[in-house]
PDB file of N, CA and C in Angstrom:
ATOM      1  N   MET A   1     -12.881 -12.561   3.509  1.00  0.00           N
ATOM      2  CA  MET A   1     -12.570 -13.923   3.289  1.00  0.00           C
ATOM      3  C   MET A   1     -11.658 -14.460   4.423  1.00  0.00           C
ATOM      4  N   ASP A   2     -12.108 -15.612   5.000  1.00  0.00           N
ATOM      5  CA  ASP A   2     -11.316 -16.137   6.078  1.00  0.00           C
ATOM      6  C   ASP A   2     -10.151 -17.061   5.495  1.00  0.00           C
ATOM      7  N   ILE A   3      -9.327 -17.469   6.434  1.00  0.00           N
ATOM      8  CA  ILE A   3      -8.115 -18.254   6.045  1.00  0.00           C
ATOM      9  C   ILE A   3      -8.516 -19.594   5.370  1.00  0.00           C
ATOM     10  N   ASP A   4      -9.595 -20.168   5.869  1.00  0.00           N
ATOM     11  CA  ASP A   4      -9.990 -21.486   5.250  1.00  0.00           C
ATOM     12  C   ASP A   4     -10.430 -21.262   3.752  1.00  0.00           C
ATOM     13  N   THR A   5     -11.230 -20.228   3.598  1.00  0.00           N
ATOM     14  CA  THR A   5     -11.639 -19.944   2.158  1.00  0.00           C
ATOM     15  C   THR A   5     -10.490 -19.583   1.331  1.00  0.00           C
ATOM     16  N   PHE A   6      -9.598 -18.791   1.857  1.00  0.00           N
ATOM     17  CA  PHE A   6      -8.335 -18.427   1.121  1.00  0.00           C
ATOM     18  C   PHE A   6      -7.554 -19.660   0.713  1.00  0.00           C
ATOM     19  N   THR A   7      -7.281 -20.501   1.620  1.00  0.00           N
ATOM     20  CA  THR A   7      -6.529 -21.739   1.315  1.00  0.00           C
ATOM     21  C   THR A   7      -7.300 -22.652   0.380  1.00  0.00           C
ATOM     22  N   GLU A   8      -8.622 -22.754   0.513  1.00  0.00           N
ATOM     23  CA  GLU A   8      -9.367 -23.522  -0.413  1.00  0.00           C
ATOM     24  C   GLU A   8      -9.273 -23.003  -1.784  1.00  0.00           C
ATOM     25  N   SER A   9      -9.162 -21.649  -1.944  1.00  0.00           N
ATOM     26  CA  SER A   9      -9.139 -21.073  -3.273  1.00  0.00           C
ATOM     27  C   SER A   9      -7.870 -21.448  -4.028  1.00  0.00           C
ATOM     28  N   LEU A  10      -6.896 -22.017  -3.335  1.00  0.00           N
ATOM     29  CA  LEU A  10      -5.647 -22.367  -4.025  1.00  0.00           C
ATOM     30  C   LEU A  10      -5.909 -23.546  -4.980  1.00  0.00           C
ATOM     31  N   LYS A  11      -7.037 -24.244  -4.848  1.00  0.00           N
ATOM     32  CA  LYS A  11      -7.386 -25.349  -5.784  1.00  0.00           C
ATOM     33  C   LYS A  11      -7.796 -24.813  -7.173  1.00  0.00           C
ATOM     34  N   HIS A  12      -8.004 -23.535  -7.239  1.00  0.00           N
ATOM     35  CA  HIS A  12      -8.461 -22.934  -8.531  1.00  0.00           C
ATOM     36  C   HIS A  12      -7.214 -22.440  -9.319  1.00  0.00           C
ATOM     37  N   HIS A  13      -7.475 -22.101 -10.623  1.00  0.00           N
ATOM     38  CA  HIS A  13      -6.404 -21.708 -11.498  1.00  0.00           C
ATOM     39  C   HIS A  13      -6.092 -20.176 -11.370  1.00  0.00           C
ATOM     40  N   THR A  14      -7.054 -19.451 -10.876  1.00  0.00           N
ATOM     41  CA  THR A  14      -6.891 -17.957 -10.740  1.00  0.00           C
ATOM     42  C   THR A  14      -7.296 -17.521  -9.331  1.00  0.00           C
ATOM     43  N   PRO A  15      -6.678 -16.387  -8.838  1.00  0.00           N
ATOM     44  CA  PRO A  15      -6.972 -15.947  -7.492  1.00  0.00           C
ATOM     45  C   PRO A  15      -8.416 -15.432  -7.459  1.00  0.00           C
ATOM     46  N   PRO A  16      -8.973 -15.457  -6.204  1.00  0.00           N
ATOM     47  CA  PRO A  16     -10.342 -14.845  -6.060  1.00  0.00           C
ATOM     48  C   PRO A  16     -10.276 -13.305  -6.417  1.00  0.00           C
ATOM     49  N   LEU A  17     -11.405 -12.856  -6.872  1.00  0.00           N
ATOM     50  CA  LEU A  17     -11.507 -11.414  -7.145  1.00  0.00           C
ATOM     51  C   LEU A  17     -11.431 -10.585  -5.933  1.00  0.00           C
ATOM     52  N   GLY A  18     -10.943  -9.400  -6.087  1.00  0.00           N
ATOM     53  CA  GLY A  18     -10.875  -8.444  -4.906  1.00  0.00           C
ATOM     54  C   GLY A  18      -9.842  -8.652  -3.893  1.00  0.00           C
ATOM     55  N   LEU A  19      -8.817  -9.420  -4.198  1.00  0.00           N
ATOM     56  CA  LEU A  19      -7.744  -9.574  -3.191  1.00  0.00           C
ATOM     57  C   LEU A  19      -6.791  -8.348  -3.290  1.00  0.00           C
ATOM     58  N   THR A  20      -6.288  -7.965  -2.166  1.00  0.00           N
ATOM     59  CA  THR A  20      -5.225  -6.886  -2.241  1.00  0.00           C
ATOM     60  C   THR A  20      -4.036  -7.462  -3.025  1.00  0.00           C
ATOM     61  N   ARG A  21      -3.158  -6.608  -3.389  1.00  0.00           N
ATOM     62  CA  ARG A  21      -1.894  -7.048  -4.089  1.00  0.00           C
ATOM     63  C   ARG A  21      -1.081  -7.980  -3.155  1.00  0.00           C
ATOM     64  N   GLN A  22      -1.111  -7.627  -1.892  1.00  0.00           N
ATOM     65  CA  GLN A  22      -0.297  -8.459  -0.968  1.00  0.00           C
ATOM     66  C   GLN A  22      -0.879  -9.813  -0.808  1.00  0.00           C
ATOM     67  N   LEU A  23      -2.195  -9.937  -0.696  1.00  0.00           N
ATOM     68  CA  LEU A  23      -2.814 -11.300  -0.585  1.00  0.00           C
ATOM     69  C   LEU A  23      -2.730 -11.994  -1.978  1.00  0.00           C
ATOM     70  N   GLU A  24      -2.772 -11.290  -2.958  1.00  0.00           N
ATOM     71  CA  GLU A  24      -2.635 -11.998  -4.293  1.00  0.00           C
ATOM     72  C   GLU A  24      -1.247 -12.574  -4.426  1.00  0.00           C
ATOM     73  N   ALA A  25      -0.252 -11.799  -3.945  1.00  0.00           N
ATOM     74  CA  ALA A  25       1.187 -12.391  -3.936  1.00  0.00           C
ATOM     75  C   ALA A  25       1.242 -13.570  -3.121  1.00  0.00           C
ATOM     76  N   LEU A  26       0.577 -13.586  -1.909  1.00  0.00           N
ATOM     77  CA  LEU A  26       0.683 -14.788  -1.082  1.00  0.00           C
ATOM     78  C   LEU A  26      -0.149 -15.904  -1.777  1.00  0.00           C
ATOM     79  N   TRP A  27      -1.208 -15.626  -2.503  1.00  0.00           N
ATOM     80  CA  TRP A  27      -1.952 -16.637  -3.196  1.00  0.00           C
ATOM     81  C   TRP A  27      -1.088 -17.346  -4.226  1.00  0.00           C
ATOM     82  N   TYR A  28      -0.366 -16.556  -4.932  1.00  0.00           N
ATOM     83  CA  TYR A  28       0.566 -17.174  -6.018  1.00  0.00           C
ATOM     84  C   TYR A  28       1.655 -17.942  -5.325  1.00  0.00           C
ATOM     85  N   ASP A  29       2.186 -17.416  -4.242  1.00  0.00           N
ATOM     86  CA  ASP A  29       3.208 -18.130  -3.518  1.00  0.00           C
ATOM     87  C   ASP A  29       2.619 -19.530  -3.034  1.00  0.00           C
ATOM     88  N   GLY A  30       1.377 -19.432  -2.535  1.00  0.00           N
ATOM     89  CA  GLY A  30       0.707 -20.662  -2.091  1.00  0.00           C
ATOM     90  C   GLY A  30       0.482 -21.683  -3.232  1.00  0.00           C
ATOM     91  N   LYS A  31       0.449 -21.172  -4.416  1.00  0.00           N
ATOM     92  CA  LYS A  31       0.348 -22.062  -5.585  1.00  0.00           C
ATOM     93  C   LYS A  31       1.649 -22.609  -6.095  1.00  0.00           C
ATOM     94  N   GLY A  32       2.762 -22.092  -5.473  1.00  0.00           N
ATOM     95  CA  GLY A  32       4.098 -22.457  -5.823  1.00  0.00           C
ATOM     96  C   GLY A  32       4.734 -21.600  -6.927  1.00  0.00           C
ATOM     97  N   ASP A  33       4.182 -20.394  -7.218  1.00  0.00           N
ATOM     98  CA  ASP A  33       4.672 -19.520  -8.219  1.00  0.00           C
ATOM     99  C   ASP A  33       5.377 -18.313  -7.518  1.00  0.00           C
ATOM    100  N   TRP A  34       6.624 -18.545  -6.961  1.00  0.00           N
ATOM    101  CA  TRP A  34       7.350 -17.553  -6.260  1.00  0.00           C
ATOM    102  C   TRP A  34       7.596 -16.339  -7.131  1.00  0.00           C
ATOM    103  N   GLU A  35       7.979 -16.580  -8.379  1.00  0.00           N
ATOM    104  CA  GLU A  35       8.316 -15.517  -9.315  1.00  0.00           C
ATOM    105  C   GLU A  35       7.114 -14.512  -9.483  1.00  0.00           C
ATOM    106  N   LYS A  36       5.889 -15.057  -9.675  1.00  0.00           N
ATOM    107  CA  LYS A  36       4.741 -14.217  -9.867  1.00  0.00           C
ATOM    108  C   LYS A  36       4.413 -13.471  -8.593  1.00  0.00           C
ATOM    109  N   ALA A  37       4.595 -14.092  -7.417  1.00  0.00           N
ATOM    110  CA  ALA A  37       4.344 -13.538  -6.124  1.00  0.00           C
ATOM    111  C   ALA A  37       5.353 -12.346  -6.047  1.00  0.00           C
ATOM    112  N   HIS A  38       6.592 -12.595  -6.243  1.00  0.00           N
ATOM    113  CA  HIS A  38       7.615 -11.500  -6.132  1.00  0.00           C
ATOM    114  C   HIS A  38       7.320 -10.363  -7.073  1.00  0.00           C
ATOM    115  N   ASP A  39       6.977 -10.645  -8.342  1.00  0.00           N
ATOM    116  CA  ASP A  39       6.725  -9.571  -9.279  1.00  0.00           C
ATOM    117  C   ASP A  39       5.549  -8.733  -8.857  1.00  0.00           C
ATOM    118  N   LEU A  40       4.561  -9.309  -8.251  1.00  0.00           N
ATOM    119  CA  LEU A  40       3.441  -8.493  -7.717  1.00  0.00           C
ATOM    120  C   LEU A  40       3.816  -7.590  -6.566  1.00  0.00           C
ATOM    121  N   ILE A  41       4.711  -7.908  -5.766  1.00  0.00           N
ATOM    122  CA  ILE A  41       5.034  -7.135  -4.574  1.00  0.00           C
ATOM    123  C   ILE A  41       6.312  -6.302  -4.703  1.00  0.00           C
ATOM    124  N   ASN A  42       7.122  -6.589  -5.707  1.00  0.00           N
ATOM    125  CA  ASN A  42       8.460  -6.045  -5.782  1.00  0.00           C
ATOM    126  C   ASN A  42       8.511  -4.487  -5.771  1.00  0.00           C
ATOM    127  N   ASP A  43       7.621  -3.848  -6.414  1.00  0.00           N
ATOM    128  CA  ASP A  43       7.733  -2.349  -6.509  1.00  0.00           C
ATOM    129  C   ASP A  43       6.866  -1.574  -5.545  1.00  0.00           C
ATOM    130  N   LEU A  44       6.262  -2.297  -4.559  1.00  0.00           N
ATOM    131  CA  LEU A  44       5.415  -1.570  -3.620  1.00  0.00           C
ATOM    132  C   LEU A  44       6.238  -1.245  -2.392  1.00  0.00           C
ATOM    133  N   GLU A  45       5.886  -0.102  -1.786  1.00  0.00           N
ATOM    134  CA  GLU A  45       6.775   0.554  -0.743  1.00  0.00           C
ATOM    135  C   GLU A  45       6.151   0.472   0.726  1.00  0.00           C
ATOM    136  N   ASP A  46       4.882   0.118   0.757  1.00  0.00           N
ATOM    137  CA  ASP A  46       4.204   0.169   2.140  1.00  0.00           C
ATOM    138  C   ASP A  46       4.720  -0.939   2.988  1.00  0.00           C
ATOM    139  N   LYS A  47       4.383  -0.838   4.337  1.00  0.00           N
ATOM    140  CA  LYS A  47       4.947  -1.833   5.303  1.00  0.00           C
ATOM    141  C   LYS A  47       4.404  -3.243   5.127  1.00  0.00           C
ATOM    142  N   GLN A  48       3.099  -3.327   4.712  1.00  0.00           N
ATOM    143  CA  GLN A  48       2.514  -4.657   4.483  1.00  0.00           C
ATOM    144  C   GLN A  48       3.240  -5.324   3.339  1.00  0.00           C
ATOM    145  N   SER A  49       3.451  -4.600   2.287  1.00  0.00           N
ATOM    146  CA  SER A  49       4.106  -5.184   1.152  1.00  0.00           C
ATOM    147  C   SER A  49       5.572  -5.536   1.453  1.00  0.00           C
ATOM    148  N   ALA A  50       6.207  -4.715   2.279  1.00  0.00           N
ATOM    149  CA  ALA A  50       7.567  -5.026   2.690  1.00  0.00           C
ATOM    150  C   ALA A  50       7.610  -6.350   3.539  1.00  0.00           C
ATOM    151  N   HIS A  51       6.555  -6.571   4.298  1.00  0.00           N
ATOM    152  CA  HIS A  51       6.466  -7.758   5.151  1.00  0.00           C
ATOM    153  C   HIS A  51       6.324  -8.999   4.222  1.00  0.00           C
ATOM    154  N   VAL A  52       5.495  -8.929   3.219  1.00  0.00           N
ATOM    155  CA  VAL A  52       5.297 -10.036   2.258  1.00  0.00           C
ATOM    156  C   VAL A  52       6.612 -10.185   1.482  1.00  0.00           C
ATOM    157  N   HIS A  53       7.244  -9.131   1.104  1.00  0.00           N
ATOM    158  CA  HIS A  53       8.484  -9.131   0.374  1.00  0.00           C
ATOM    159  C   HIS A  53       9.566  -9.843   1.183  1.00  0.00           C
ATOM    160  N   ALA A  54       9.669  -9.509   2.485  1.00  0.00           N
ATOM    161  CA  ALA A  54      10.573 -10.232   3.392  1.00  0.00           C
ATOM    162  C   ALA A  54      10.325 -11.724   3.449  1.00  0.00           C
ATOM    163  N   TYR A  55       9.115 -12.102   3.642  1.00  0.00           N
ATOM    164  CA  TYR A  55       8.734 -13.489   3.707  1.00  0.00           C
ATOM    165  C   TYR A  55       9.178 -14.222   2.429  1.00  0.00           C
ATOM    166  N   LEU A  56       8.948 -13.567   1.267  1.00  0.00           N
ATOM    167  CA  LEU A  56       9.390 -14.293   0.048  1.00  0.00           C
ATOM    168  C   LEU A  56      10.864 -14.416  -0.100  1.00  0.00           C
ATOM    169  N   HIS A  57      11.611 -13.432   0.341  1.00  0.00           N
ATOM    170  CA  HIS A  57      13.043 -13.606   0.295  1.00  0.00           C
ATOM    171  C   HIS A  57      13.600 -14.631   1.346  1.00  0.00           C
ATOM    172  N   ARG A  58      12.837 -14.688   2.442  1.00  0.00           N
ATOM    173  CA  ARG A  58      13.224 -15.704   3.475  1.00  0.00           C
ATOM    174  C   ARG A  58      12.991 -17.089   2.881  1.00  0.00           C
ATOM    175  N   LYS A  59      11.840 -17.233   2.223  1.00  0.00           N
ATOM    176  CA  LYS A  59      11.470 -18.526   1.562  1.00  0.00           C
ATOM    177  C   LYS A  59      12.517 -18.862   0.487  1.00  0.00           C
ATOM    178  N   GLU A  60      13.033 -17.793  -0.233  1.00  0.00           N
ATOM    179  CA  GLU A  60      14.117 -18.101  -1.269  1.00  0.00           C
ATOM    180  C   GLU A  60      15.341 -18.489  -0.698  1.00  0.00           C
ATOM    181  N   GLY A  61      15.590 -18.230   0.594  1.00  0.00           N
ATOM    182  CA  GLY A  61      16.861 -18.417   1.258  1.00  0.00           C
ATOM    183  C   GLY A  61      17.788 -17.328   1.281  1.00  0.00           C
ATOM    184  N   ASP A  62      17.381 -16.196   0.839  1.00  0.00           N
ATOM    185  CA  ASP A  62      18.184 -14.976   0.797  1.00  0.00           C
ATOM    186  C   ASP A  62      17.947 -14.153   2.053  1.00  0.00           C
ATOM    187  N   LEU A  63      18.592 -14.621   3.150  1.00  0.00           N
ATOM    188  CA  LEU A  63      18.285 -14.052   4.479  1.00  0.00           C
ATOM    189  C   LEU A  63      18.708 -12.592   4.655  1.00  0.00           C
ATOM    190  N   TRP A  64      19.821 -12.275   3.987  1.00  0.00           N
ATOM    191  CA  TRP A  64      20.257 -10.864   4.034  1.00  0.00           C
ATOM    192  C   TRP A  64      19.211  -9.861   3.440  1.00  0.00           C
ATOM    193  N   ASN A  65      18.730 -10.269   2.276  1.00  0.00           N
ATOM    194  CA  ASN A  65      17.670  -9.489   1.703  1.00  0.00           C
ATOM    195  C   ASN A  65      16.375  -9.524   2.536  1.00  0.00           C
ATOM    196  N   ALA A  66      16.048 -10.723   3.059  1.00  0.00           N
ATOM    197  CA  ALA A  66      14.812 -10.839   3.778  1.00  0.00           C
ATOM    198  C   ALA A  66      14.937  -9.889   4.984  1.00  0.00           C
ATOM    199  N   ASP A  67      16.046  -9.872   5.644  1.00  0.00           N
ATOM    200  CA  ASP A  67      16.212  -9.066   6.939  1.00  0.00           C
ATOM    201  C   ASP A  67      16.052  -7.588   6.566  1.00  0.00           C
ATOM    202  N   TYR A  68      16.534  -7.150   5.368  1.00  0.00           N
ATOM    203  CA  TYR A  68      16.355  -5.814   4.906  1.00  0.00           C
ATOM    204  C   TYR A  68      14.876  -5.451   4.793  1.00  0.00           C
ATOM    205  N   TRP A  69      14.102  -6.393   4.192  1.00  0.00           N
ATOM    206  CA  TRP A  69      12.713  -6.144   4.036  1.00  0.00           C
ATOM    207  C   TRP A  69      11.896  -6.254   5.384  1.00  0.00           C
ATOM    208  N   TYR A  70      12.303  -7.143   6.259  1.00  0.00           N
ATOM    209  CA  TYR A  70      11.706  -7.128   7.554  1.00  0.00           C
ATOM    210  C   TYR A  70      11.938  -5.820   8.285  1.00  0.00           C
ATOM    211  N   ARG A  71      13.094  -5.211   8.148  1.00  0.00           N
ATOM    212  CA  ARG A  71      13.412  -3.936   8.826  1.00  0.00           C
ATOM    213  C   ARG A  71      12.526  -2.833   8.202  1.00  0.00           C
ATOM    214  N   ARG A  72      12.319  -2.886   6.902  1.00  0.00           N
ATOM    215  CA  ARG A  72      11.438  -1.946   6.180  1.00  0.00           C
ATOM    216  C   ARG A  72       9.971  -2.064   6.628  1.00  0.00           C
ATOM    217  N   ALA A  73       9.636  -3.305   7.042  1.00  0.00           N
ATOM    218  CA  ALA A  73       8.264  -3.590   7.511  1.00  0.00           C
ATOM    219  C   ALA A  73       8.133  -3.280   8.976  1.00  0.00           C
ATOM    220  N   GLY A  74       9.214  -2.958   9.665  1.00  0.00           N
ATOM    221  CA  GLY A  74       9.226  -2.728  11.154  1.00  0.00           C
ATOM    222  C   GLY A  74       9.026  -4.013  11.892  1.00  0.00           C
ATOM    223  N   ARG A  75       9.654  -5.055  11.387  1.00  0.00           N
ATOM    224  CA  ARG A  75       9.513  -6.346  12.008  1.00  0.00           C
ATOM    225  C   ARG A  75      10.965  -7.047  12.054  1.00  0.00           C
ATOM    226  N   GLN A  76      10.917  -8.148  12.783  1.00  0.00           N
ATOM    227  CA  GLN A  76      12.110  -8.969  12.891  1.00  0.00           C
ATOM    228  C   GLN A  76      11.787 -10.300  12.175  1.00  0.00           C
ATOM    229  N   ARG A  77      12.838 -10.970  11.631  1.00  0.00           N
ATOM    230  CA  ARG A  77      12.604 -12.218  11.007  1.00  0.00           C
ATOM    231  C   ARG A  77      12.078 -13.227  12.052  1.00  0.00           C
ATOM    232  N   PRO A  78      10.900 -13.845  11.849  1.00  0.00           N
ATOM    233  CA  PRO A  78      10.374 -14.844  12.776  1.00  0.00           C
ATOM    234  C   PRO A  78      11.211 -16.182  12.881  1.00  0.00           C
ATOM    235  N   SER A  79      11.054 -16.866  13.888  1.00  0.00           N
ATOM    236  CA  SER A  79      11.696 -18.141  14.035  1.00  0.00           C
ATOM    237  C   SER A  79      10.776 -19.241  13.681  1.00  0.00           C
ATOM    238  N   THR A  80       9.611 -18.964  13.243  1.00  0.00           N
ATOM    239  CA  THR A  80       8.574 -19.952  12.922  1.00  0.00           C
ATOM    240  C   THR A  80       8.934 -20.569  11.529  1.00  0.00           C
ATOM    241  N   MET A  81       8.272 -21.705  11.276  1.00  0.00           N
ATOM    242  CA  MET A  81       8.378 -22.359   9.965  1.00  0.00           C
ATOM    243  C   MET A  81       7.738 -21.490   8.897  1.00  0.00           C
ATOM    244  N   LEU A  82       8.210 -21.619   7.643  1.00  0.00           N
ATOM    245  CA  LEU A  82       7.693 -20.740   6.575  1.00  0.00           C
ATOM    246  C   LEU A  82       6.200 -20.901   6.440  1.00  0.00           C
ATOM    247  N   GLU A  83       5.721 -22.143   6.491  1.00  0.00           N
ATOM    248  CA  GLU A  83       4.265 -22.327   6.395  1.00  0.00           C
ATOM    249  C   GLU A  83       3.475 -21.592   7.404  1.00  0.00           C
ATOM    250  N   GLU A  84       4.012 -21.523   8.598  1.00  0.00           N
ATOM    251  CA  GLU A  84       3.323 -20.818   9.740  1.00  0.00           C
ATOM    252  C   GLU A  84       3.353 -19.277   9.442  1.00  0.00           C
ATOM    253  N   GLU A  85       4.458 -18.813   8.965  1.00  0.00           N
ATOM    254  CA  GLU A  85       4.590 -17.344   8.585  1.00  0.00           C
ATOM    255  C   GLU A  85       3.576 -17.064   7.507  1.00  0.00           C
ATOM    256  N   TRP A  86       3.501 -17.875   6.511  1.00  0.00           N
ATOM    257  CA  TRP A  86       2.550 -17.699   5.366  1.00  0.00           C
ATOM    258  C   TRP A  86       1.066 -17.595   5.985  1.00  0.00           C
ATOM    259  N   MET A  87       0.744 -18.493   6.791  1.00  0.00           N
ATOM    260  CA  MET A  87      -0.575 -18.492   7.415  1.00  0.00           C
ATOM    261  C   MET A  87      -0.803 -17.202   8.193  1.00  0.00           C
ATOM    262  N   ASP A  88       0.140 -16.833   9.008  1.00  0.00           N
ATOM    263  CA  ASP A  88       0.061 -15.704   9.929  1.00  0.00           C
ATOM    264  C   ASP A  88      -0.074 -14.364   8.986  1.00  0.00           C
ATOM    265  N   LEU A  89       0.714 -14.346   7.906  1.00  0.00           N
ATOM    266  CA  LEU A  89       0.566 -13.200   7.007  1.00  0.00           C
ATOM    267  C   LEU A  89      -0.788 -13.143   6.370  1.00  0.00           C
ATOM    268  N   VAL A  90      -1.335 -14.243   5.920  1.00  0.00           N
ATOM    269  CA  VAL A  90      -2.665 -14.224   5.301  1.00  0.00           C
ATOM    270  C   VAL A  90      -3.661 -13.766   6.360  1.00  0.00           C
ATOM    271  N   LYS A  91      -3.627 -14.250   7.591  1.00  0.00           N
ATOM    272  CA  LYS A  91      -4.636 -13.847   8.628  1.00  0.00           C
ATOM    273  C   LYS A  91      -4.402 -12.384   8.841  1.00  0.00           C
ATOM    274  N   LEU A  92      -3.191 -11.864   8.979  1.00  0.00           N
ATOM    275  CA  LEU A  92      -2.933 -10.445   9.208  1.00  0.00           C
ATOM    276  C   LEU A  92      -3.522  -9.608   8.225  1.00  0.00           C
ATOM    277  N   LEU A  93      -3.342  -9.928   6.946  1.00  0.00           N
ATOM    278  CA  LEU A  93      -3.717  -9.141   5.770  1.00  0.00           C
ATOM    279  C   LEU A  93      -5.261  -9.224   5.552  1.00  0.00           C
ATOM    280  N   GLU A  94      -5.875 -10.312   6.017  1.00  0.00           N
ATOM    281  CA  GLU A  94      -7.279 -10.452   5.886  1.00  0.00           C
ATOM    282  C   GLU A  94      -8.068  -9.598   6.858  1.00  0.00           C
ATOM    283  N   SER A  95      -7.472  -9.232   8.011  1.00  0.00           N
ATOM    284  CA  SER A  95      -8.181  -8.487   9.008  1.00  0.00           C
ATOM    285  C   SER A  95      -8.271  -7.042   8.713  1.00  0.00           C
TER     286      SER A  95
END
């Protein structure tokens, strides 16, 4: 699924079938449901999940917690706008 199809799917009430947990979390975040997105990713330990987790805490405004998760993901907090980071994450996880 490409980024355009993914963003188009946000018009629906449920996420597309077959999404990874990380993409599903970003889908719910894209729908404005931060809590559901966080619940989906909260207990996962892999680096991709840590990256999504970091983004979610950055969006929440909890930069200390976000930086912790960026370190767990092996990344640094980006200086881009949140919308751009969301798009970059979706593209990264789709590839």
